[in-house]
Amino acid sequence: MEKLLIRKNKNKPDEKQVIEQAKENPEKFRPLYDWYYEEIFHFIYKKTGEEAIATDICAEVFYKALVNIKNYKITETSFIAWLYRVAINETAAYFRTTKKERLVLLGDYQIHFLQTELQYKNLSASEMRHYLNLAFNKLKPMEVELIELRFYEEKSFKEIGEILEITENNAKVKTYRTLDKLKEILTKSGIK
């Protein structure tokens, strides 16, 4: 899915100013919703695979953001990282309460990206998709989150750190440890 470019729009008002206005008047929250809805929706959709469910969870994310914006401190983390954190929590809550299995939607681009990183260039995309689906079931939820944020959402380690409330260095270390674990799982599955 295409990345949103709206955050880089030079005509966009100052985000910090809009946040401060939204803290005083909930009606001023609308630009934040407009700027970030699509990105957060796609993030959730990739985890659920169902548009209606992703829409419901996304609505809950923005409702919670609106209700709790007074508690948001601009100096602590970026607003989008804060929204991602809420989205991660709401999606996890959905899977806990429904007992449904979490999906990891693997597009060809993400598979190619992971194949290159894991150095499994001799497999077709469909073979790699099959093995990755099996391997992701053996990872912890936080490990899958790291892979998704880095390789699917194309977040920097700094952004991952903000989203997961860890340091940039810790995000990098944990991501590479997860990649090592993923490679070990794939090797045990018979991939060479």
C-alpha atoms as a PDB file:
ATOM      1  CA  MET A   1       0.000   0.000   0.000  1.00  0.00           C
ATOM      2  CA  GLU A   2       1.218   3.474  -0.743  1.00  0.00           C
ATOM      3  CA  LYS A   3       2.657   5.646   1.965  1.00  0.00           C
ATOM      4  CA  LEU A   4       0.765   8.796   2.797  1.00  0.00           C
ATOM      5  CA  LEU A   5       2.467  11.990   1.793  1.00  0.00           C
ATOM      6  CA  ILE A   6       0.062  14.336   3.522  1.00  0.00           C
ATOM      7  CA  ARG A   7       2.340  14.807   6.557  1.00  0.00           C
ATOM      8  CA  LYS A   8       4.969  16.331   4.293  1.00  0.00           C
ATOM      9  CA  ASN A   9       2.547  18.790   2.757  1.00  0.00           C
ATOM     10  CA  LYS A  10       4.004  22.277   3.197  1.00  0.00           C
ATOM     11  CA  ASN A  11       0.503  23.797   3.287  1.00  0.00           C
ATOM     12  CA  LYS A  12      -0.444  21.785   6.363  1.00  0.00           C
ATOM     13  CA  PRO A  13      -0.820  23.884   9.509  1.00  0.00           C
ATOM     14  CA  ASP A  14       1.601  23.328  12.372  1.00  0.00           C
ATOM     15  CA  GLU A  15       0.719  20.010  14.022  1.00  0.00           C
ATOM     16  CA  LYS A  16       1.683  21.222  17.505  1.00  0.00           C
ATOM     17  CA  GLN A  17      -0.617  24.203  17.152  1.00  0.00           C
ATOM     18  CA  VAL A  18      -3.511  21.971  16.054  1.00  0.00           C
ATOM     19  CA  ILE A  19      -2.871  19.608  18.996  1.00  0.00           C
ATOM     20  CA  GLU A  20      -2.918  22.506  21.459  1.00  0.00           C
ATOM     21  CA  GLN A  21      -6.157  23.790  19.912  1.00  0.00           C
ATOM     22  CA  ALA A  22      -7.699  20.292  20.086  1.00  0.00           C
ATOM     23  CA  LYS A  23      -6.813  20.093  23.779  1.00  0.00           C
ATOM     24  CA  GLU A  24      -8.946  23.193  24.352  1.00  0.00           C
ATOM     25  CA  ASN A  25     -11.708  22.418  21.855  1.00  0.00           C
ATOM     26  CA  PRO A  26     -12.503  18.858  20.631  1.00  0.00           C
ATOM     27  CA  GLU A  27     -13.873  20.282  17.372  1.00  0.00           C
ATOM     28  CA  LYS A  28     -10.301  21.259  16.455  1.00  0.00           C
ATOM     29  CA  PHE A  29      -9.268  17.574  16.445  1.00  0.00           C
ATOM     30  CA  ARG A  30     -10.582  17.052  12.902  1.00  0.00           C
ATOM     31  CA  PRO A  31      -7.340  17.934  11.032  1.00  0.00           C
ATOM     32  CA  LEU A  32      -5.423  15.347  13.063  1.00  0.00           C
ATOM     33  CA  TYR A  33      -8.025  12.759  12.128  1.00  0.00           C
ATOM     34  CA  ASP A  34      -7.858  13.770   8.463  1.00  0.00           C
ATOM     35  CA  TRP A  35      -4.053  13.666   8.369  1.00  0.00           C
ATOM     36  CA  TYR A  36      -3.592  10.297  10.038  1.00  0.00           C
ATOM     37  CA  TYR A  37      -6.755   8.236   9.583  1.00  0.00           C
ATOM     38  CA  GLU A  38      -5.678   6.464   6.397  1.00  0.00           C
ATOM     39  CA  GLU A  39      -2.233   5.509   7.711  1.00  0.00           C
ATOM     40  CA  ILE A  40      -3.610   4.133  10.975  1.00  0.00           C
ATOM     41  CA  PHE A  41      -6.473   2.353   9.185  1.00  0.00           C
ATOM     42  CA  HIS A  42      -4.057   0.545   6.843  1.00  0.00           C
ATOM     43  CA  PHE A  43      -1.849  -0.416   9.774  1.00  0.00           C
ATOM     44  CA  ILE A  44      -4.824  -2.016  11.540  1.00  0.00           C
ATOM     45  CA  TYR A  45      -6.216  -3.558   8.355  1.00  0.00           C
ATOM     46  CA  LYS A  46      -2.941  -5.418   7.771  1.00  0.00           C
ATOM     47  CA  LYS A  47      -3.440  -7.061  11.162  1.00  0.00           C
ATOM     48  CA  THR A  48      -7.115  -7.942  10.795  1.00  0.00           C
ATOM     49  CA  GLY A  49      -7.614  -8.496   7.080  1.00  0.00           C
ATOM     50  CA  GLU A  50     -11.202  -7.297   7.409  1.00  0.00           C
ATOM     51  CA  GLU A  51     -12.247  -3.810   6.411  1.00  0.00           C
ATOM     52  CA  ALA A  52     -15.231  -3.570   8.772  1.00  0.00           C
ATOM     53  CA  ILE A  53     -13.188  -4.685  11.776  1.00  0.00           C
ATOM     54  CA  ALA A  54     -10.319  -2.351  10.860  1.00  0.00           C
ATOM     55  CA  THR A  55     -12.807   0.508  10.533  1.00  0.00           C
ATOM     56  CA  ASP A  56     -14.263  -0.231  13.985  1.00  0.00           C
ATOM     57  CA  ILE A  57     -10.861  -0.485  15.648  1.00  0.00           C
ATOM     58  CA  CYS A  58      -9.648   2.656  13.887  1.00  0.00           C
ATOM     59  CA  ALA A  59     -12.729   4.529  15.096  1.00  0.00           C
ATOM     60  CA  GLU A  60     -11.906   3.420  18.635  1.00  0.00           C
ATOM     61  CA  VAL A  61      -8.294   4.553  18.220  1.00  0.00           C
ATOM     62  CA  PHE A  62      -9.328   8.047  17.178  1.00  0.00           C
ATOM     63  CA  TYR A  63     -12.041   8.211  19.832  1.00  0.00           C
ATOM     64  CA  LYS A  64      -9.472   7.358  22.504  1.00  0.00           C
ATOM     65  CA  ALA A  65      -7.040   9.854  21.014  1.00  0.00           C
ATOM     66  CA  LEU A  66      -9.712  12.559  21.115  1.00  0.00           C
ATOM     67  CA  VAL A  67     -10.727  11.749  24.672  1.00  0.00           C
ATOM     68  CA  ASN A  68      -7.119  11.525  25.898  1.00  0.00           C
ATOM     69  CA  ILE A  69      -5.498  14.299  23.870  1.00  0.00           C
ATOM     70  CA  LYS A  70      -5.321  16.468  27.002  1.00  0.00           C
ATOM     71  CA  ASN A  71      -2.896  13.876  28.421  1.00  0.00           C
ATOM     72  CA  TYR A  72      -0.700  13.887  25.318  1.00  0.00           C
ATOM     73  CA  LYS A  73       2.585  15.703  25.856  1.00  0.00           C
ATOM     74  CA  ILE A  74       4.133  17.030  22.665  1.00  0.00           C
ATOM     75  CA  THR A  75       7.660  16.798  24.050  1.00  0.00           C
ATOM     76  CA  GLU A  76       7.446  13.069  24.836  1.00  0.00           C
ATOM     77  CA  THR A  77       6.727  11.492  21.466  1.00  0.00           C
ATOM     78  CA  SER A  78       5.375  12.377  18.043  1.00  0.00           C
ATOM     79  CA  PHE A  79       1.617  12.374  17.659  1.00  0.00           C
ATOM     80  CA  ILE A  80       1.678   9.691  14.959  1.00  0.00           C
ATOM     81  CA  ALA A  81       3.790   7.445  17.215  1.00  0.00           C
ATOM     82  CA  TRP A  82       1.231   8.001  19.953  1.00  0.00           C
ATOM     83  CA  LEU A  83      -1.559   7.005  17.542  1.00  0.00           C
ATOM     84  CA  TYR A  84       0.347   3.874  16.503  1.00  0.00           C
ATOM     85  CA  ARG A  85       0.705   2.911  20.159  1.00  0.00           C
ATOM     86  CA  VAL A  86      -3.049   3.322  20.688  1.00  0.00           C
ATOM     87  CA  ALA A  87      -3.684   1.305  17.495  1.00  0.00           C
ATOM     88  CA  ILE A  88      -1.393  -1.511  18.683  1.00  0.00           C
ATOM     89  CA  ASN A  89      -3.173  -1.621  22.037  1.00  0.00           C
ATOM     90  CA  GLU A  90      -6.658  -1.536  20.526  1.00  0.00           C
ATOM     91  CA  THR A  91      -5.819  -4.227  17.988  1.00  0.00           C
ATOM     92  CA  ALA A  92      -4.329  -6.436  20.703  1.00  0.00           C
ATOM     93  CA  ALA A  93      -7.466  -5.904  22.817  1.00  0.00           C
ATOM     94  CA  TYR A  94      -9.620  -6.922  19.860  1.00  0.00           C
ATOM     95  CA  PHE A  95      -7.705 -10.166  19.395  1.00  0.00           C
ATOM     96  CA  ARG A  96      -7.777 -10.913  23.130  1.00  0.00           C
ATOM     97  CA  THR A  97     -11.529 -10.440  23.417  1.00  0.00           C
ATOM     98  CA  THR A  98     -12.510 -12.194  20.200  1.00  0.00           C
ATOM     99  CA  LYS A  99      -9.938 -15.008  20.480  1.00  0.00           C
ATOM    100  CA  LYS A 100      -9.338 -14.634  16.743  1.00  0.00           C
ATOM    101  CA  GLU A 101      -5.881 -15.223  15.342  1.00  0.00           C
ATOM    102  CA  ARG A 102      -3.911 -12.193  14.344  1.00  0.00           C
ATOM    103  CA  LEU A 103      -2.997 -11.935  10.673  1.00  0.00           C
ATOM    104  CA  VAL A 104       0.225 -10.878   9.075  1.00  0.00           C
ATOM    105  CA  LEU A 105      -0.677  -9.855   5.552  1.00  0.00           C
ATOM    106  CA  LEU A 106       2.322 -10.476   3.346  1.00  0.00           C
ATOM    107  CA  GLY A 107       2.436  -8.473   0.151  1.00  0.00           C
ATOM    108  CA  ASP A 108       5.014  -9.206  -2.531  1.00  0.00           C
ATOM    109  CA  TYR A 109       6.938  -6.042  -1.674  1.00  0.00           C
ATOM    110  CA  GLN A 110       7.226  -6.980   2.018  1.00  0.00           C
ATOM    111  CA  ILE A 111       8.194 -10.536   1.142  1.00  0.00           C
ATOM    112  CA  HIS A 112      10.930  -9.277  -1.180  1.00  0.00           C
ATOM    113  CA  PHE A 113      12.143  -6.866   1.492  1.00  0.00           C
ATOM    114  CA  LEU A 114      12.328  -9.640   4.108  1.00  0.00           C
ATOM    115  CA  GLN A 115      13.880 -12.118   1.655  1.00  0.00           C
ATOM    116  CA  THR A 116      16.650  -9.643   0.963  1.00  0.00           C
ATOM    117  CA  GLU A 117      17.194  -8.923   4.661  1.00  0.00           C
ATOM    118  CA  LEU A 118      17.179 -12.634   5.561  1.00  0.00           C
ATOM    119  CA  GLN A 119      19.257 -13.539   2.481  1.00  0.00           C
ATOM    120  CA  TYR A 120      16.816 -16.124   1.075  1.00  0.00           C
ATOM    121  CA  LYS A 121      16.932 -14.987  -2.539  1.00  0.00           C
ATOM    122  CA  ASN A 122      16.580 -18.473  -4.033  1.00  0.00           C
ATOM    123  CA  LEU A 123      12.904 -18.863  -3.053  1.00  0.00           C
ATOM    124  CA  SER A 124       9.898 -17.710  -5.024  1.00  0.00           C
ATOM    125  CA  ALA A 125       7.574 -15.160  -3.414  1.00  0.00           C
ATOM    126  CA  SER A 126       4.901 -17.833  -2.860  1.00  0.00           C
ATOM    127  CA  GLU A 127       7.409 -20.201  -1.210  1.00  0.00           C
ATOM    128  CA  MET A 128       8.710 -17.434   1.005  1.00  0.00           C
ATOM    129  CA  ARG A 129       5.142 -16.384   1.914  1.00  0.00           C
ATOM    130  CA  HIS A 130       4.382 -19.960   2.976  1.00  0.00           C
ATOM    131  CA  TYR A 131       7.471 -20.249   5.169  1.00  0.00           C
ATOM    132  CA  LEU A 132       7.044 -16.788   6.667  1.00  0.00           C
ATOM    133  CA  ASN A 133       3.418 -17.512   7.603  1.00  0.00           C
ATOM    134  CA  LEU A 134       4.590 -20.583   9.496  1.00  0.00           C
ATOM    135  CA  ALA A 135       7.481 -18.716  11.115  1.00  0.00           C
ATOM    136  CA  PHE A 136       5.393 -15.733  12.260  1.00  0.00           C
ATOM    137  CA  ASN A 137       3.197 -18.116  14.261  1.00  0.00           C
ATOM    138  CA  LYS A 138       6.294 -19.004  16.310  1.00  0.00           C
ATOM    139  CA  LEU A 139       7.218 -15.411  17.142  1.00  0.00           C
ATOM    140  CA  LYS A 140       5.958 -13.464  20.140  1.00  0.00           C
ATOM    141  CA  PRO A 141       3.460 -10.677  19.385  1.00  0.00           C
ATOM    142  CA  MET A 142       6.059  -7.978  20.141  1.00  0.00           C
ATOM    143  CA  GLU A 143       8.510  -9.619  17.760  1.00  0.00           C
ATOM    144  CA  VAL A 144       5.918  -9.625  14.982  1.00  0.00           C
ATOM    145  CA  GLU A 145       5.194  -5.978  15.801  1.00  0.00           C
ATOM    146  CA  LEU A 146       8.863  -5.101  15.339  1.00  0.00           C
ATOM    147  CA  ILE A 147       8.988  -6.831  11.944  1.00  0.00           C
ATOM    148  CA  GLU A 148       5.765  -5.174  10.810  1.00  0.00           C
ATOM    149  CA  LEU A 149       6.832  -1.712  11.886  1.00  0.00           C
ATOM    150  CA  ARG A 150      10.267  -1.997  10.302  1.00  0.00           C
ATOM    151  CA  PHE A 151       9.515  -3.879   7.090  1.00  0.00           C
ATOM    152  CA  TYR A 152       5.825  -3.253   6.418  1.00  0.00           C
ATOM    153  CA  GLU A 153       5.381   0.250   7.766  1.00  0.00           C
ATOM    154  CA  GLU A 154       8.981   1.160   6.842  1.00  0.00           C
ATOM    155  CA  LYS A 155       9.542   2.939  10.136  1.00  0.00           C
ATOM    156  CA  SER A 156      12.989   4.028  11.230  1.00  0.00           C
ATOM    157  CA  PHE A 157      14.419   2.613  14.437  1.00  0.00           C
ATOM    158  CA  LYS A 158      13.823   5.999  16.035  1.00  0.00           C
ATOM    159  CA  GLU A 159      10.132   5.866  15.077  1.00  0.00           C
ATOM    160  CA  ILE A 160       9.842   2.251  16.261  1.00  0.00           C
ATOM    161  CA  GLY A 161      11.390   3.280  19.561  1.00  0.00           C
ATOM    162  CA  GLU A 162       8.862   6.096  19.951  1.00  0.00           C
ATOM    163  CA  ILE A 163       5.943   3.834  19.106  1.00  0.00           C
ATOM    164  CA  LEU A 164       7.018   1.012  21.433  1.00  0.00           C
ATOM    165  CA  GLU A 165       8.377   3.345  24.131  1.00  0.00           C
ATOM    166  CA  ILE A 166      11.916   2.014  23.955  1.00  0.00           C
ATOM    167  CA  THR A 167      15.164   3.639  22.930  1.00  0.00           C
ATOM    168  CA  GLU A 168      16.182   3.847  19.296  1.00  0.00           C
ATOM    169  CA  ASN A 169      19.144   1.553  19.995  1.00  0.00           C
ATOM    170  CA  ASN A 170      16.919  -0.958  21.797  1.00  0.00           C
ATOM    171  CA  ALA A 171      14.524  -0.952  18.839  1.00  0.00           C
ATOM    172  CA  LYS A 172      17.416  -1.739  16.522  1.00  0.00           C
ATOM    173  CA  VAL A 173      18.819  -4.493  18.752  1.00  0.00           C
ATOM    174  CA  LYS A 174      15.405  -6.101  19.272  1.00  0.00           C
ATOM    175  CA  THR A 175      14.613  -5.956  15.548  1.00  0.00           C
ATOM    176  CA  TYR A 176      17.867  -7.652  14.573  1.00  0.00           C
ATOM    177  CA  ARG A 177      17.448 -10.265  17.318  1.00  0.00           C
ATOM    178  CA  THR A 178      13.977 -10.951  15.972  1.00  0.00           C
ATOM    179  CA  LEU A 179      15.381 -11.274  12.453  1.00  0.00           C
ATOM    180  CA  ASP A 180      17.969 -13.752  13.768  1.00  0.00           C
ATOM    181  CA  LYS A 181      15.196 -15.714  15.485  1.00  0.00           C
ATOM    182  CA  LEU A 182      13.106 -15.629  12.310  1.00  0.00           C
ATOM    183  CA  LYS A 183      16.041 -16.900  10.276  1.00  0.00           C
ATOM    184  CA  GLU A 184      16.610 -19.703  12.797  1.00  0.00           C
ATOM    185  CA  ILE A 185      12.946 -20.718  12.591  1.00  0.00           C
ATOM    186  CA  LEU A 186      13.092 -20.679   8.792  1.00  0.00           C
ATOM    187  CA  THR A 187      16.292 -22.746   8.773  1.00  0.00           C
ATOM    188  CA  LYS A 188      14.652 -25.338  11.040  1.00  0.00           C
ATOM    189  CA  SER A 189      11.745 -25.401   8.555  1.00  0.00           C
ATOM    190  CA  GLY A 190      14.127 -26.639   5.894  1.00  0.00           C
ATOM    191  CA  ILE A 191      14.982 -23.421   4.058  1.00  0.00           C
ATOM    192  CA  LYS A 192      18.607 -23.164   3.024  1.00  0.00           C
END
